[in-house]
Amino acid sequence: MKNICNLFKLRLNMAIKSALLVIPTVSVVSFLGIMYYVQPSQISGSFLISAIFCFIISAYISMRLQARENDIHEEILLLHCKKCSEYYISRELLIYSLSCLYSAVVIIYPLIRYIMNNNLFTRPLKANDMICGSLIIFGSGFCGTAIGDLFHHRIITTNRNSVIGLILVSILAICKQPLIQTFSFLKILIIILPPITDGLVMVGDSDIFNTIGILKIFIHMITFVIAIILIKIIILSRRKFTV
């Protein structure tokens, strides 16, 4: 555990020093400013749109992090680990911790604004809204992180193909509902892609969260993330570093 913590701290320091988080931070601040500029806003709509944003920003962060990895440095880190699992756990801790950080900001900001101004939303903000919104936002962030890191440069060696692949998969994940309605044979996308916009379809114009439905979506998201992590680690463990 100590070795994992040391690796996590090392990776975090490298990420901060590389100024990688500047663009995501500015994007989050800008998004929140624009999102809650017009008042009042629908609670469910605001949280669900924020979830899509967290999906995109988390995918960007995870892809940029893995793209900056130096194979020589990473192999040295792996050799210093007593177990290969320590190396991979420290990687996952970093990218998912960053996703949690930005997701938490996106969730806490409207809560603070609501406490200061009760007219922020079209109806009173309840505990159930915060719970359901948090599940969707955190889950979407995790899904974005998983997809972004799946296009690892040791899996897809060409940077151009990785970027195109990530953009394509992200667009399909966000737009799959209308595609499925138009082309019924695309129902397979429900299984192979995360349910990023399923909450929007479920809520519709009601502005009321269906707690059971949101919980099912969150479980689907976590299952998707775990599956992607396992697939990625299996592939990476069999791919040698390019040195």
Protein backbone atom coordinates (compact mmCIF):
# COMPACT_ATOMS: atom_id res chain seq x y z
CA MET A 1 0.00 0.00 0.00
CA LYS A 2 2.86 2.39 0.81
CA ASN A 3 4.40 1.80 -2.60
CA ILE A 4 1.05 2.51 -4.28
CA CYS A 5 0.71 5.78 -2.35
CA ASN A 6 4.24 6.85 -3.32
CA LEU A 7 3.57 6.07 -6.98
CA PHE A 8 0.28 7.97 -6.81
CA LYS A 9 1.99 11.04 -5.32
CA LEU A 10 4.72 10.88 -7.96
CA ARG A 11 2.20 10.68 -10.79
CA LEU A 12 0.10 13.49 -9.31
CA ASN A 13 3.12 15.79 -8.99
CA MET A 14 4.10 15.07 -12.58
CA ALA A 15 0.57 15.85 -13.78
CA ILE A 16 0.50 19.15 -11.89
CA LYS A 17 3.95 20.24 -13.05
CA SER A 18 3.09 19.44 -16.66
CA ALA A 19 0.27 22.03 -16.60
CA LEU A 20 -2.01 19.33 -17.98
CA LEU A 21 -4.87 20.40 -15.73
CA VAL A 22 -4.97 24.03 -16.88
CA ILE A 23 -7.34 23.46 -19.80
CA PRO A 24 -9.75 21.21 -17.84
CA THR A 25 -9.82 23.68 -14.94
CA VAL A 26 -10.54 26.65 -17.18
CA SER A 27 -13.18 24.60 -19.00
CA VAL A 28 -14.95 23.67 -15.77
CA VAL A 29 -14.99 27.25 -14.53
CA SER A 30 -16.32 28.49 -17.86
CA PHE A 31 -18.93 25.74 -18.06
CA LEU A 32 -20.29 26.41 -14.57
CA GLY A 33 -20.41 30.15 -15.22
CA ILE A 34 -22.39 29.69 -18.42
CA MET A 35 -24.53 26.83 -17.11
CA TYR A 36 -25.94 28.75 -14.15
CA TYR A 37 -25.87 32.23 -15.66
CA VAL A 38 -29.51 32.01 -16.73
CA GLN A 39 -31.87 31.57 -13.79
CA PRO A 40 -33.93 29.68 -12.87
CA SER A 41 -32.68 26.36 -14.24
CA GLN A 42 -34.19 22.89 -14.17
CA ILE A 43 -32.50 20.73 -11.54
CA SER A 44 -32.46 17.45 -13.43
CA GLY A 45 -31.56 19.08 -16.73
CA SER A 46 -28.65 20.97 -15.18
CA PHE A 47 -27.23 17.88 -13.52
CA LEU A 48 -27.67 15.66 -16.58
CA ILE A 49 -26.00 18.17 -18.90
CA SER A 50 -23.22 18.52 -16.31
CA ALA A 51 -22.81 14.73 -16.45
CA ILE A 52 -22.21 14.88 -20.21
CA PHE A 53 -19.66 17.63 -19.64
CA CYS A 54 -17.84 15.55 -16.98
CA PHE A 55 -17.80 12.61 -19.40
CA ILE A 56 -16.07 14.74 -22.04
CA ILE A 57 -13.60 16.47 -19.70
CA SER A 58 -12.65 13.18 -17.98
CA ALA A 59 -12.05 11.49 -21.35
CA TYR A 60 -9.79 14.39 -22.31
CA ILE A 61 -7.80 14.23 -19.06
CA SER A 62 -7.23 10.48 -19.15
CA MET A 63 -6.18 10.54 -22.81
CA ARG A 64 -3.78 13.43 -22.29
CA LEU A 65 -2.26 11.76 -19.22
CA GLN A 66 -1.54 8.47 -20.95
CA ALA A 67 -0.30 10.25 -24.08
CA ARG A 68 2.32 12.04 -21.96
CA GLU A 69 3.62 8.82 -20.43
CA ASN A 70 7.25 8.13 -21.24
CA ASP A 71 7.77 4.42 -21.87
CA ILE A 72 11.26 4.39 -20.37
CA HIS A 73 10.07 6.13 -17.22
CA GLU A 74 7.01 3.90 -16.97
CA GLU A 75 9.06 0.73 -17.35
CA ILE A 76 11.40 1.91 -14.58
CA LEU A 77 8.39 2.49 -12.34
CA LEU A 78 7.08 -0.98 -13.16
CA LEU A 79 10.46 -2.58 -12.36
CA HIS A 80 10.51 -0.84 -8.96
CA CYS A 81 7.13 -2.30 -8.07
CA LYS A 82 7.01 -5.50 -6.10
CA LYS A 83 3.89 -6.47 -8.00
CA CYS A 84 2.59 -5.38 -11.39
CA SER A 85 -0.74 -4.66 -9.73
CA GLU A 86 0.85 -1.79 -7.76
CA TYR A 87 1.86 -0.07 -10.98
CA TYR A 88 -1.59 -0.35 -12.56
CA ILE A 89 -3.47 0.54 -9.37
CA SER A 90 -1.47 3.76 -9.02
CA ARG A 91 -2.37 4.68 -12.63
CA GLU A 92 -6.06 4.05 -12.08
CA LEU A 93 -6.05 5.94 -8.77
CA LEU A 94 -4.66 9.05 -10.43
CA ILE A 95 -6.99 9.28 -13.42
CA TYR A 96 -10.11 8.40 -11.42
CA SER A 97 -9.15 10.74 -8.58
CA LEU A 98 -8.91 13.61 -11.05
CA SER A 99 -12.30 12.65 -12.45
CA CYS A 100 -13.74 12.65 -8.93
CA LEU A 101 -12.21 16.06 -8.24
CA TYR A 102 -13.79 17.78 -11.22
CA SER A 103 -17.09 15.93 -10.77
CA ALA A 104 -17.23 17.05 -7.13
CA VAL A 105 -16.69 20.68 -8.17
CA VAL A 106 -19.50 20.41 -10.73
CA ILE A 107 -21.82 19.01 -8.03
CA ILE A 108 -20.88 21.28 -5.13
CA TYR A 109 -20.95 24.56 -7.07
CA PRO A 110 -24.73 24.60 -7.76
CA LEU A 111 -25.40 23.51 -4.17
CA ILE A 112 -23.46 26.50 -2.82
CA ARG A 113 -25.18 28.80 -5.31
CA TYR A 114 -28.58 27.44 -4.25
CA ILE A 115 -27.81 28.01 -0.56
CA MET A 116 -26.94 31.60 -1.40
CA ASN A 117 -29.85 32.07 -3.81
CA ASN A 118 -33.01 29.95 -3.53
CA ASN A 119 -34.18 31.14 -6.95
CA LEU A 120 -31.37 29.31 -8.78
CA PHE A 121 -33.67 26.43 -9.75
CA THR A 122 -37.28 26.20 -10.85
CA ARG A 123 -38.14 24.16 -7.74
CA PRO A 124 -36.60 23.48 -4.32
CA LEU A 125 -33.42 21.40 -4.37
CA LYS A 126 -33.89 18.18 -2.39
CA ALA A 127 -31.51 15.56 -1.00
CA ASN A 128 -32.74 13.05 -3.58
CA ASP A 129 -31.79 15.46 -6.37
CA MET A 130 -28.25 15.75 -5.01
CA ILE A 131 -27.90 11.98 -4.63
CA CYS A 132 -29.21 11.17 -8.10
CA GLY A 133 -27.28 14.02 -9.69
CA SER A 134 -24.07 12.92 -7.95
CA LEU A 135 -24.47 9.32 -9.12
CA ILE A 136 -24.96 10.36 -12.73
CA ILE A 137 -22.16 12.94 -12.73
CA PHE A 138 -19.59 10.72 -11.00
CA GLY A 139 -20.60 7.72 -13.13
CA SER A 140 -20.32 9.72 -16.36
CA GLY A 141 -16.90 11.02 -15.30
CA PHE A 142 -15.72 7.46 -14.62
CA CYS A 143 -16.99 6.31 -18.03
CA GLY A 144 -15.17 9.15 -19.77
CA THR A 145 -11.99 8.30 -17.90
CA ALA A 146 -12.24 4.62 -18.83
CA ILE A 147 -12.80 5.34 -22.52
CA GLY A 148 -10.04 7.96 -22.71
CA ASP A 149 -7.49 5.62 -21.15
CA LEU A 150 -8.60 2.69 -23.31
CA PHE A 151 -7.09 4.48 -26.33
CA HIS A 152 -3.66 4.09 -24.75
CA HIS A 153 -0.64 4.66 -26.98
CA ARG A 154 0.52 1.10 -26.28
CA ILE A 155 -2.83 -0.20 -27.52
CA ILE A 156 -3.32 2.15 -30.46
CA THR A 157 0.15 3.28 -31.44
CA THR A 158 -0.85 6.15 -33.74
CA ASN A 159 -1.83 9.30 -31.87
CA ARG A 160 -4.08 10.45 -34.72
CA ASN A 161 -6.05 7.19 -34.67
CA SER A 162 -6.39 7.37 -30.89
CA VAL A 163 -7.87 10.86 -31.02
CA ILE A 164 -10.23 9.98 -33.86
CA GLY A 165 -11.29 6.80 -32.08
CA LEU A 166 -11.97 8.62 -28.82
CA ILE A 167 -14.01 11.33 -30.56
CA LEU A 168 -16.01 8.75 -32.50
CA VAL A 169 -16.80 6.62 -29.45
CA SER A 170 -17.69 9.70 -27.39
CA ILE A 171 -20.07 10.97 -30.06
CA LEU A 172 -21.71 7.56 -30.34
CA ALA A 173 -22.08 7.33 -26.55
CA ILE A 174 -23.76 10.74 -26.39
CA CYS A 175 -25.90 10.38 -29.54
CA LYS A 176 -26.77 6.67 -29.38
CA GLN A 177 -30.44 7.17 -28.39
CA PRO A 178 -31.55 8.98 -31.57
CA LEU A 179 -29.39 6.62 -33.64
CA ILE A 180 -31.10 3.58 -32.12
CA GLN A 181 -34.52 5.11 -32.77
CA THR A 182 -33.58 5.61 -36.43
CA PHE A 183 -31.66 2.38 -36.98
CA SER A 184 -32.98 -0.47 -34.83
CA PHE A 185 -29.99 -2.70 -35.59
CA LEU A 186 -27.83 -0.32 -33.56
CA LYS A 187 -29.43 -1.53 -30.31
CA ILE A 188 -26.14 -3.30 -29.63
CA LEU A 189 -24.78 0.15 -28.72
CA ILE A 190 -26.83 -0.08 -25.50
CA ILE A 191 -24.54 -2.90 -24.37
CA ILE A 192 -21.14 -1.79 -25.64
CA LEU A 193 -21.41 1.93 -24.83
CA PRO A 194 -21.97 3.65 -21.46
CA PRO A 195 -25.47 5.06 -20.67
CA ILE A 196 -24.38 8.71 -20.74
CA THR A 197 -27.67 10.15 -22.02
CA ASP A 198 -30.05 7.52 -20.65
CA GLY A 199 -30.88 9.82 -17.75
CA LEU A 200 -32.04 12.56 -20.13
CA VAL A 201 -34.36 10.11 -21.88
CA MET A 202 -35.69 8.84 -18.56
CA VAL A 203 -36.37 12.27 -17.04
CA GLY A 204 -37.71 13.92 -20.19
CA ASP A 205 -39.54 17.15 -19.38
CA SER A 206 -40.62 16.11 -15.88
CA ASP A 207 -37.58 17.55 -14.02
CA ILE A 208 -37.97 14.70 -11.51
CA PHE A 209 -35.35 12.03 -10.97
CA ASN A 210 -36.45 8.40 -10.90
CA THR A 211 -34.25 7.12 -8.08
CA ILE A 212 -34.47 3.43 -9.04
CA GLY A 213 -33.86 4.24 -12.69
CA ILE A 214 -30.85 6.44 -11.88
CA LEU A 215 -29.43 3.70 -9.65
CA LYS A 216 -29.74 1.18 -12.50
CA ILE A 217 -27.95 3.58 -14.84
CA PHE A 218 -25.16 4.07 -12.27
CA ILE A 219 -24.73 0.30 -11.86
CA HIS A 220 -24.55 0.00 -15.65
CA MET A 221 -21.86 2.70 -15.71
CA ILE A 222 -19.76 1.06 -13.00
CA THR A 223 -20.04 -2.32 -14.71
CA PHE A 224 -18.89 -0.75 -17.96
CA VAL A 225 -15.94 0.96 -16.24
CA ILE A 226 -14.79 -2.22 -14.49
CA ALA A 227 -15.00 -4.18 -17.75
CA ILE A 228 -12.96 -1.55 -19.63
CA ILE A 229 -10.33 -1.40 -16.87
CA LEU A 230 -9.88 -5.18 -16.89
CA ILE A 231 -9.68 -5.34 -20.69
CA LYS A 232 -7.17 -2.48 -20.78
CA ILE A 233 -4.91 -3.93 -18.09
CA ILE A 234 -4.89 -7.35 -19.75
CA ILE A 235 -3.88 -5.79 -23.07
CA LEU A 236 -1.25 -3.49 -21.53
CA SER A 237 0.30 -6.31 -19.52
CA ARG A 238 0.89 -8.19 -22.76
CA ARG A 239 2.19 -5.20 -24.74
CA LYS A 240 5.84 -4.37 -24.24
CA PHE A 241 7.08 -0.83 -23.72
CA THR A 242 8.62 0.91 -26.71
CA VAL A 243 12.08 1.93 -25.56
